Amino acid sequence: MKTSNRDLLVLLKDESMSNKAIEQEVEQLNDLLYVTESAGSFCAANELFDLEKFKIFRDQKTLVSVMHQNELKPFSFLFNKN
């Protein structure tokens, strides 16, 4: 699996966890975040409303291209389906 380049702050309820147990916990958190932060998960949870074209885009290609833009075009709205 791809190693992540992120900072995680993990708060422990008890201090008796070993370093190996903490490392395993962080690895499990990275695995969980890797799956949920994927492009497929993003596209399944969002859709793009373009009021200039009066269209709703749900396809992965369009949503991924919008995800990499710094700003949306005027009258384009990204909605979360949740």
N, C-alpha and C. Protein backbone atom coordinates (compact mmCIF):
# COMPACT_ATOMS: atom_id res chain seq x y z
N MET A 1 0.84 -1.18 0.00
CA MET A 1 0.00 0.00 0.00
C MET A 1 0.88 1.24 0.00
N LYS A 2 0.36 2.31 -0.55
CA LYS A 2 1.08 3.58 -0.62
C LYS A 2 1.28 4.17 0.77
N THR A 3 2.50 4.57 1.06
CA THR A 3 2.73 5.20 2.36
C THR A 3 2.23 6.64 2.29
N SER A 4 1.55 7.05 3.33
CA SER A 4 0.95 8.38 3.31
C SER A 4 1.92 9.41 3.86
N ASN A 5 1.73 10.61 3.41
CA ASN A 5 2.53 11.73 3.87
C ASN A 5 1.59 12.69 4.58
N ARG A 6 1.23 12.36 5.79
CA ARG A 6 0.29 13.18 6.55
C ARG A 6 0.69 13.18 8.01
N ASP A 7 0.23 14.18 8.70
CA ASP A 7 0.44 14.26 10.14
C ASP A 7 -0.87 13.89 10.82
N LEU A 8 -0.79 12.95 11.73
CA LEU A 8 -1.97 12.53 12.49
C LEU A 8 -1.71 12.78 13.97
N LEU A 9 -2.69 13.30 14.63
CA LEU A 9 -2.64 13.45 16.07
C LEU A 9 -3.55 12.39 16.66
N VAL A 10 -2.96 11.46 17.38
CA VAL A 10 -3.71 10.35 17.96
C VAL A 10 -3.71 10.52 19.47
N LEU A 11 -4.89 10.66 20.02
CA LEU A 11 -5.02 10.81 21.47
C LEU A 11 -5.34 9.45 22.06
N LEU A 12 -4.58 9.06 23.06
CA LEU A 12 -4.74 7.76 23.69
C LEU A 12 -5.42 7.92 25.05
N LYS A 13 -6.33 7.01 25.33
CA LYS A 13 -7.03 7.07 26.61
C LYS A 13 -6.17 6.53 27.74
N ASP A 14 -5.40 5.52 27.42
CA ASP A 14 -4.51 4.97 28.44
C ASP A 14 -3.06 5.01 27.95
N GLU A 15 -2.16 5.14 28.86
CA GLU A 15 -0.75 5.27 28.52
C GLU A 15 -0.03 3.92 28.44
N SER A 16 -0.75 2.84 28.63
CA SER A 16 -0.12 1.53 28.68
C SER A 16 0.09 0.90 27.31
N MET A 17 -0.27 1.58 26.21
CA MET A 17 -0.08 1.02 24.87
C MET A 17 1.40 1.04 24.51
N SER A 18 1.85 -0.03 23.90
CA SER A 18 3.24 -0.10 23.47
C SER A 18 3.42 0.69 22.17
N ASN A 19 4.66 0.94 21.81
CA ASN A 19 4.94 1.67 20.57
C ASN A 19 4.44 0.89 19.36
N LYS A 20 4.55 -0.43 19.42
CA LYS A 20 4.08 -1.25 18.30
C LYS A 20 2.56 -1.14 18.16
N ALA A 21 1.84 -1.13 19.27
CA ALA A 21 0.38 -1.00 19.23
C ALA A 21 -0.02 0.37 18.69
N ILE A 22 0.71 1.40 19.04
CA ILE A 22 0.42 2.74 18.54
C ILE A 22 0.69 2.82 17.03
N GLU A 23 1.80 2.23 16.59
CA GLU A 23 2.11 2.20 15.17
C GLU A 23 1.05 1.45 14.39
N GLN A 24 0.56 0.35 14.95
CA GLN A 24 -0.49 -0.43 14.29
C GLN A 24 -1.78 0.40 14.20
N GLU A 25 -2.09 1.13 15.23
CA GLU A 25 -3.29 1.99 15.25
C GLU A 25 -3.20 3.08 14.18
N VAL A 26 -2.03 3.69 14.07
CA VAL A 26 -1.83 4.74 13.07
C VAL A 26 -1.89 4.15 11.66
N GLU A 27 -1.35 2.97 11.46
CA GLU A 27 -1.41 2.30 10.15
C GLU A 27 -2.86 2.01 9.77
N GLN A 28 -3.66 1.56 10.72
CA GLN A 28 -5.08 1.30 10.45
C GLN A 28 -5.82 2.58 10.10
N LEU A 29 -5.50 3.67 10.79
CA LEU A 29 -6.11 4.96 10.47
C LEU A 29 -5.71 5.43 9.06
N ASN A 30 -4.44 5.24 8.70
CA ASN A 30 -4.00 5.59 7.35
C ASN A 30 -4.72 4.76 6.29
N ASP A 31 -4.90 3.47 6.55
CA ASP A 31 -5.63 2.62 5.60
C ASP A 31 -7.07 3.09 5.44
N LEU A 32 -7.71 3.42 6.54
CA LEU A 32 -9.09 3.89 6.49
C LEU A 32 -9.18 5.21 5.73
N LEU A 33 -8.28 6.14 6.00
CA LEU A 33 -8.30 7.44 5.32
C LEU A 33 -7.94 7.31 3.84
N TYR A 34 -7.07 6.38 3.50
CA TYR A 34 -6.69 6.18 2.10
C TYR A 34 -7.91 5.77 1.26
N VAL A 35 -8.74 4.91 1.82
CA VAL A 35 -9.93 4.45 1.10
C VAL A 35 -10.96 5.57 0.99
N THR A 36 -11.20 6.29 2.07
CA THR A 36 -12.24 7.31 2.07
C THR A 36 -11.84 8.57 1.31
N GLU A 37 -10.55 8.82 1.14
CA GLU A 37 -10.11 9.99 0.41
C GLU A 37 -9.85 9.72 -1.07
N SER A 38 -10.24 8.58 -1.57
CA SER A 38 -9.99 8.24 -2.97
C SER A 38 -10.93 9.03 -3.88
N ALA A 39 -10.57 9.10 -5.15
CA ALA A 39 -11.39 9.82 -6.12
C ALA A 39 -12.75 9.14 -6.30
N GLY A 40 -12.78 7.82 -6.25
CA GLY A 40 -14.04 7.10 -6.38
C GLY A 40 -15.02 7.43 -5.27
N SER A 41 -14.51 7.51 -4.05
CA SER A 41 -15.37 7.87 -2.91
C SER A 41 -15.85 9.31 -3.03
N PHE A 42 -14.97 10.20 -3.47
CA PHE A 42 -15.35 11.60 -3.66
C PHE A 42 -16.45 11.71 -4.71
N CYS A 43 -16.31 10.99 -5.81
CA CYS A 43 -17.29 11.08 -6.90
C CYS A 43 -18.61 10.42 -6.52
N ALA A 44 -18.57 9.41 -5.68
CA ALA A 44 -19.80 8.77 -5.25
C ALA A 44 -20.59 9.66 -4.30
N ALA A 45 -19.91 10.57 -3.60
CA ALA A 45 -20.57 11.40 -2.59
C ALA A 45 -20.88 12.82 -3.07
N ASN A 46 -20.46 13.19 -4.28
CA ASN A 46 -20.65 14.56 -4.76
C ASN A 46 -21.20 14.58 -6.17
N GLU A 47 -21.78 15.72 -6.52
CA GLU A 47 -22.23 15.96 -7.88
C GLU A 47 -22.07 17.44 -8.18
N LEU A 48 -21.96 17.77 -9.46
CA LEU A 48 -21.72 19.14 -9.89
C LEU A 48 -22.96 19.66 -10.60
N PHE A 49 -23.48 20.80 -10.14
CA PHE A 49 -24.59 21.48 -10.80
C PHE A 49 -24.01 22.62 -11.61
N ASP A 50 -24.25 22.62 -12.90
CA ASP A 50 -23.81 23.70 -13.78
C ASP A 50 -25.06 24.42 -14.26
N LEU A 51 -25.31 25.61 -13.71
CA LEU A 51 -26.52 26.34 -14.05
C LEU A 51 -26.44 27.02 -15.41
N GLU A 52 -25.24 27.23 -15.94
CA GLU A 52 -25.12 27.80 -17.29
C GLU A 52 -25.58 26.80 -18.35
N LYS A 53 -25.26 25.53 -18.13
CA LYS A 53 -25.64 24.48 -19.08
C LYS A 53 -26.91 23.75 -18.66
N PHE A 54 -27.42 24.07 -17.48
CA PHE A 54 -28.58 23.39 -16.90
C PHE A 54 -28.38 21.87 -16.87
N LYS A 55 -27.21 21.46 -16.36
CA LYS A 55 -26.87 20.04 -16.30
C LYS A 55 -26.37 19.68 -14.91
N ILE A 56 -26.54 18.42 -14.59
CA ILE A 56 -25.98 17.83 -13.37
C ILE A 56 -24.96 16.79 -13.81
N PHE A 57 -23.74 16.94 -13.34
CA PHE A 57 -22.67 16.01 -13.70
C PHE A 57 -22.41 15.08 -12.53
N ARG A 58 -22.43 13.79 -12.82
CA ARG A 58 -22.14 12.79 -11.79
C ARG A 58 -20.99 11.87 -12.19
N ASP A 59 -20.44 12.06 -13.40
CA ASP A 59 -19.40 11.15 -13.88
C ASP A 59 -18.06 11.48 -13.24
N GLN A 60 -17.25 10.46 -13.08
CA GLN A 60 -15.99 10.58 -12.36
C GLN A 60 -15.01 11.49 -13.08
N LYS A 61 -14.96 11.44 -14.40
CA LYS A 61 -14.01 12.26 -15.15
C LYS A 61 -14.24 13.75 -14.90
N THR A 62 -15.47 14.19 -14.96
CA THR A 62 -15.79 15.61 -14.74
C THR A 62 -15.53 16.02 -13.31
N LEU A 63 -15.94 15.19 -12.36
CA LEU A 63 -15.78 15.54 -10.95
C LEU A 63 -14.31 15.58 -10.54
N VAL A 64 -13.50 14.69 -11.07
CA VAL A 64 -12.07 14.70 -10.74
C VAL A 64 -11.40 15.95 -11.33
N SER A 65 -11.80 16.34 -12.55
CA SER A 65 -11.22 17.56 -13.13
C SER A 65 -11.61 18.79 -12.32
N VAL A 66 -12.83 18.82 -11.80
CA VAL A 66 -13.28 19.94 -10.97
C VAL A 66 -12.55 19.92 -9.63
N MET A 67 -12.28 18.74 -9.11
CA MET A 67 -11.61 18.60 -7.82
C MET A 67 -10.21 19.21 -7.86
N HIS A 68 -9.57 19.18 -9.01
CA HIS A 68 -8.20 19.68 -9.13
C HIS A 68 -8.13 21.16 -9.50
N GLN A 69 -9.27 21.81 -9.70
CA GLN A 69 -9.28 23.25 -9.99
C GLN A 69 -9.19 24.04 -8.70
N ASN A 70 -8.61 25.22 -8.78
CA ASN A 70 -8.54 26.09 -7.61
C ASN A 70 -9.88 26.72 -7.30
N GLU A 71 -10.62 27.10 -8.34
CA GLU A 71 -11.93 27.72 -8.17
C GLU A 71 -12.90 27.12 -9.17
N LEU A 72 -14.17 27.09 -8.78
CA LEU A 72 -15.21 26.66 -9.70
C LEU A 72 -15.58 27.80 -10.64
N LYS A 73 -16.09 27.45 -11.81
CA LYS A 73 -16.59 28.47 -12.73
C LYS A 73 -17.82 29.13 -12.11
N PRO A 74 -18.14 30.35 -12.55
CA PRO A 74 -19.36 30.98 -12.04
C PRO A 74 -20.59 30.13 -12.36
N PHE A 75 -21.50 30.09 -11.45
CA PHE A 75 -22.75 29.35 -11.55
C PHE A 75 -22.55 27.84 -11.63
N SER A 76 -21.44 27.36 -11.12
CA SER A 76 -21.19 25.92 -10.95
C SER A 76 -21.13 25.64 -9.45
N PHE A 77 -21.84 24.63 -9.02
CA PHE A 77 -21.92 24.33 -7.60
C PHE A 77 -21.64 22.86 -7.37
N LEU A 78 -20.78 22.59 -6.42
CA LEU A 78 -20.44 21.23 -6.03
C LEU A 78 -21.26 20.88 -4.80
N PHE A 79 -22.11 19.88 -4.92
CA PHE A 79 -22.99 19.48 -3.82
C PHE A 79 -22.61 18.11 -3.30
N ASN A 80 -22.63 17.99 -2.00
CA ASN A 80 -22.43 16.72 -1.35
C ASN A 80 -23.79 16.04 -1.21
N LYS A 81 -23.88 14.79 -1.61
CA LYS A 81 -25.16 14.07 -1.58
C LYS A 81 -25.56 13.63 -0.19
N ASN A 82 -24.66 13.69 0.77
CA ASN A 82 -24.98 13.24 2.11
C ASN A 82 -25.92 14.16 2.75
